[in-house]
C-alpha atoms as a PDB file:
ATOM      1  CA  MET A   1      22.057 -25.121 -30.636  1.00  0.00           C
ATOM      2  CA  SER A   2      22.734 -21.868 -32.410  1.00  0.00           C
ATOM      3  CA  ILE A   3      20.005 -19.803 -34.004  1.00  0.00           C
ATOM      4  CA  LYS A   4      20.590 -19.430 -37.735  1.00  0.00           C
ATOM      5  CA  SER A   5      17.128 -18.272 -38.733  1.00  0.00           C
ATOM      6  CA  TYR A   6      14.029 -16.756 -37.201  1.00  0.00           C
ATOM      7  CA  LYS A   7      12.485 -20.184 -37.827  1.00  0.00           C
ATOM      8  CA  ASP A   8      14.732 -21.531 -35.053  1.00  0.00           C
ATOM      9  CA  LEU A   9      13.157 -19.171 -32.503  1.00  0.00           C
ATOM     10  CA  ILE A  10      10.752 -21.014 -30.198  1.00  0.00           C
ATOM     11  CA  VAL A  11       8.566 -17.911 -29.940  1.00  0.00           C
ATOM     12  CA  TRP A  12       8.209 -17.798 -33.743  1.00  0.00           C
ATOM     13  CA  GLN A  13       7.368 -21.534 -33.824  1.00  0.00           C
ATOM     14  CA  LYS A  14       4.732 -21.117 -31.099  1.00  0.00           C
ATOM     15  CA  ALA A  15       3.309 -18.065 -32.869  1.00  0.00           C
ATOM     16  CA  MET A  16       2.958 -20.120 -36.055  1.00  0.00           C
ATOM     17  CA  ILE A  17       1.055 -22.796 -34.127  1.00  0.00           C
ATOM     18  CA  LEU A  18      -1.127 -20.006 -32.745  1.00  0.00           C
ATOM     19  CA  VAL A  19      -1.900 -18.851 -36.308  1.00  0.00           C
ATOM     20  CA  LYS A  20      -3.057 -22.347 -37.199  1.00  0.00           C
ATOM     21  CA  GLU A  21      -5.143 -22.599 -34.005  1.00  0.00           C
ATOM     22  CA  ILE A  22      -6.833 -19.269 -34.672  1.00  0.00           C
ATOM     23  CA  TYR A  23      -7.661 -20.165 -38.272  1.00  0.00           C
ATOM     24  CA  LEU A  24      -9.156 -23.479 -37.141  1.00  0.00           C
ATOM     25  CA  LEU A  25     -11.059 -21.811 -34.299  1.00  0.00           C
ATOM     26  CA  THR A  26     -12.495 -19.010 -36.431  1.00  0.00           C
ATOM     27  CA  GLU A  27     -13.966 -21.579 -38.820  1.00  0.00           C
ATOM     28  CA  TYR A  28     -16.608 -22.029 -36.099  1.00  0.00           C
ATOM     29  CA  PHE A  29     -17.370 -18.321 -35.780  1.00  0.00           C
ATOM     30  CA  PRO A  30     -20.782 -17.120 -36.973  1.00  0.00           C
ATOM     31  CA  LYS A  31     -20.777 -16.467 -40.716  1.00  0.00           C
ATOM     32  CA  ASP A  32     -22.092 -12.942 -40.179  1.00  0.00           C
ATOM     33  CA  GLU A  33     -18.753 -12.164 -38.483  1.00  0.00           C
ATOM     34  CA  LEU A  34     -16.626 -13.166 -41.490  1.00  0.00           C
ATOM     35  CA  TYR A  35     -15.826  -9.540 -42.352  1.00  0.00           C
ATOM     36  CA  GLY A  36     -15.893  -8.398 -38.733  1.00  0.00           C
ATOM     37  CA  ILE A  37     -14.164  -9.984 -35.763  1.00  0.00           C
ATOM     38  CA  THR A  38     -13.066 -13.082 -37.730  1.00  0.00           C
ATOM     39  CA  GLN A  39     -11.025 -11.025 -40.172  1.00  0.00           C
ATOM     40  CA  GLN A  40      -9.690  -8.780 -37.391  1.00  0.00           C
ATOM     41  CA  ILE A  41      -8.533 -11.738 -35.285  1.00  0.00           C
ATOM     42  CA  ARG A  42      -6.852 -13.395 -38.242  1.00  0.00           C
ATOM     43  CA  ARG A  43      -4.988 -10.212 -39.163  1.00  0.00           C
ATOM     44  CA  ALA A  44      -3.764  -9.771 -35.599  1.00  0.00           C
ATOM     45  CA  VAL A  45      -2.522 -13.348 -35.259  1.00  0.00           C
ATOM     46  CA  VAL A  46      -0.714 -13.322 -38.626  1.00  0.00           C
ATOM     47  CA  SER A  47       1.082 -10.153 -37.568  1.00  0.00           C
ATOM     48  CA  ILE A  48       2.694 -11.872 -34.575  1.00  0.00           C
ATOM     49  CA  PRO A  49       5.097 -14.302 -36.329  1.00  0.00           C
ATOM     50  CA  SER A  50       5.439 -11.948 -39.303  1.00  0.00           C
ATOM     51  CA  CYS A  51       6.877  -9.160 -37.146  1.00  0.00           C
ATOM     52  CA  ILE A  52       9.138 -11.591 -35.289  1.00  0.00           C
ATOM     53  CA  ALA A  53      10.568 -12.713 -38.641  1.00  0.00           C
ATOM     54  CA  GLU A  54      10.882  -9.216 -40.064  1.00  0.00           C
ATOM     55  CA  GLY A  55      12.572  -7.895 -36.941  1.00  0.00           C
ATOM     56  CA  TYR A  56      15.001 -10.790 -36.798  1.00  0.00           C
ATOM     57  CA  LEU A  57      16.266 -10.001 -40.283  1.00  0.00           C
ATOM     58  CA  ARG A  58      16.779  -6.297 -39.583  1.00  0.00           C
ATOM     59  CA  LYS A  59      20.355  -5.057 -39.354  1.00  0.00           C
ATOM     60  CA  HIS A  60      20.191  -3.453 -35.918  1.00  0.00           C
ATOM     61  CA  LYS A  61      19.110  -4.650 -32.491  1.00  0.00           C
ATOM     62  CA  LYS A  62      17.018  -1.497 -32.016  1.00  0.00           C
ATOM     63  CA  GLU A  63      14.956  -2.387 -35.105  1.00  0.00           C
ATOM     64  CA  TYR A  64      14.585  -5.979 -33.895  1.00  0.00           C
ATOM     65  CA  VAL A  65      13.249  -4.757 -30.547  1.00  0.00           C
ATOM     66  CA  HIS A  66      10.879  -2.418 -32.395  1.00  0.00           C
ATOM     67  CA  PHE A  67       9.385  -5.274 -34.422  1.00  0.00           C
ATOM     68  CA  LEU A  68       9.171  -7.528 -31.359  1.00  0.00           C
ATOM     69  CA  SER A  69       7.272  -4.699 -29.704  1.00  0.00           C
ATOM     70  CA  ILE A  70       4.849  -4.559 -32.644  1.00  0.00           C
ATOM     71  CA  SER A  71       4.433  -8.332 -32.372  1.00  0.00           C
ATOM     72  CA  LEU A  72       3.713  -7.959 -28.657  1.00  0.00           C
ATOM     73  CA  GLY A  73       1.108  -5.308 -29.489  1.00  0.00           C
ATOM     74  CA  SER A  74      -0.562  -7.614 -32.006  1.00  0.00           C
ATOM     75  CA  ALA A  75      -0.654 -10.368 -29.387  1.00  0.00           C
ATOM     76  CA  ALA A  76      -2.321  -7.983 -26.930  1.00  0.00           C
ATOM     77  CA  GLU A  77      -4.781  -6.978 -29.662  1.00  0.00           C
ATOM     78  CA  LEU A  78      -5.595 -10.651 -30.247  1.00  0.00           C
ATOM     79  CA  GLU A  79      -6.034 -11.222 -26.521  1.00  0.00           C
ATOM     80  CA  THR A  80      -8.505  -8.320 -26.357  1.00  0.00           C
ATOM     81  CA  GLN A  81     -10.455  -9.611 -29.354  1.00  0.00           C
ATOM     82  CA  ILE A  82     -10.759 -13.052 -27.759  1.00  0.00           C
ATOM     83  CA  LEU A  83     -12.029 -11.442 -24.545  1.00  0.00           C
ATOM     84  CA  ILE A  84     -14.607  -9.536 -26.602  1.00  0.00           C
ATOM     85  CA  CYS A  85     -15.762 -12.783 -28.231  1.00  0.00           C
ATOM     86  CA  LYS A  86     -16.045 -14.503 -24.859  1.00  0.00           C
ATOM     87  CA  MET A  87     -18.430 -11.846 -23.555  1.00  0.00           C
ATOM     88  CA  LEU A  88     -20.767 -11.999 -26.569  1.00  0.00           C
ATOM     89  CA  PRO A  89     -23.592 -14.582 -26.599  1.00  0.00           C
ATOM     90  CA  LYS A  90     -23.005 -15.637 -30.216  1.00  0.00           C
ATOM     91  CA  PHE A  91     -19.590 -17.111 -29.259  1.00  0.00           C
ATOM     92  CA  THR A  92     -20.631 -19.112 -26.165  1.00  0.00           C
ATOM     93  CA  GLN A  93     -20.338 -22.456 -27.969  1.00  0.00           C
ATOM     94  CA  ILE A  94     -16.662 -21.849 -28.803  1.00  0.00           C
ATOM     95  CA  ASP A  95     -13.913 -23.082 -26.484  1.00  0.00           C
ATOM     96  CA  PHE A  96     -11.039 -20.597 -26.375  1.00  0.00           C
ATOM     97  CA  THR A  97      -9.050 -22.436 -23.664  1.00  0.00           C
ATOM     98  CA  ARG A  98      -6.304 -23.938 -25.824  1.00  0.00           C
ATOM     99  CA  THR A  99      -5.889 -20.754 -27.856  1.00  0.00           C
ATOM    100  CA  GLU A 100      -5.712 -18.565 -24.753  1.00  0.00           C
ATOM    101  CA  SER A 101      -3.091 -20.819 -23.182  1.00  0.00           C
ATOM    102  CA  LEU A 102      -0.893 -20.697 -26.278  1.00  0.00           C
ATOM    103  CA  LEU A 103      -1.383 -16.940 -26.610  1.00  0.00           C
ATOM    104  CA  THR A 104      -0.362 -16.413 -22.977  1.00  0.00           C
ATOM    105  CA  GLU A 105       2.798 -18.409 -23.614  1.00  0.00           C
ATOM    106  CA  VAL A 106       3.648 -16.329 -26.698  1.00  0.00           C
ATOM    107  CA  LEU A 107       2.934 -13.079 -24.839  1.00  0.00           C
ATOM    108  CA  LYS A 108       5.267 -14.060 -21.996  1.00  0.00           C
ATOM    109  CA  MET A 109       8.025 -15.116 -24.383  1.00  0.00           C
ATOM    110  CA  LEU A 110       7.785 -11.879 -26.365  1.00  0.00           C
ATOM    111  CA  TYR A 111       7.774  -9.798 -23.203  1.00  0.00           C
ATOM    112  CA  VAL A 112      10.885 -11.502 -21.803  1.00  0.00           C
ATOM    113  CA  MET A 113      12.675 -11.422 -25.143  1.00  0.00           C
ATOM    114  CA  THR A 114      11.971  -7.720 -25.643  1.00  0.00           C
ATOM    115  CA  ASN A 115      13.122  -6.849 -22.130  1.00  0.00           C
ATOM    116  CA  LYS A 116      16.344  -8.861 -22.472  1.00  0.00           C
ATOM    117  CA  LEU A 117      17.228  -7.245 -25.778  1.00  0.00           C
ATOM    118  CA  GLU A 118      16.534  -3.761 -24.433  1.00  0.00           C
ATOM    119  CA  THR A 119      18.968  -4.161 -21.529  1.00  0.00           C
END
């Protein structure tokens, strides 16, 4: 199967599923966090597939790698924000297991993809 669009990239597809998971998960966050960690987490997760798509459509491989790197950074930011939530008492009722598993998968894929394109 040849890749004709960024939508054909498995990493983009998984990142889109991650966006949906995060939006569903953050519905259960405390309402006093709506303009705090909830908004921050949602921004970070949306950035992941967005940068994959933007980079894919760039003219040069160097630009593509740059945007994949930004996507990787956003994924690391999201991972950190989830770890912050897990250490705060107000989030103890929320199960992050599925989200963390999917995020780890996306992080690994982005890391491998970036390294392969750089060499």
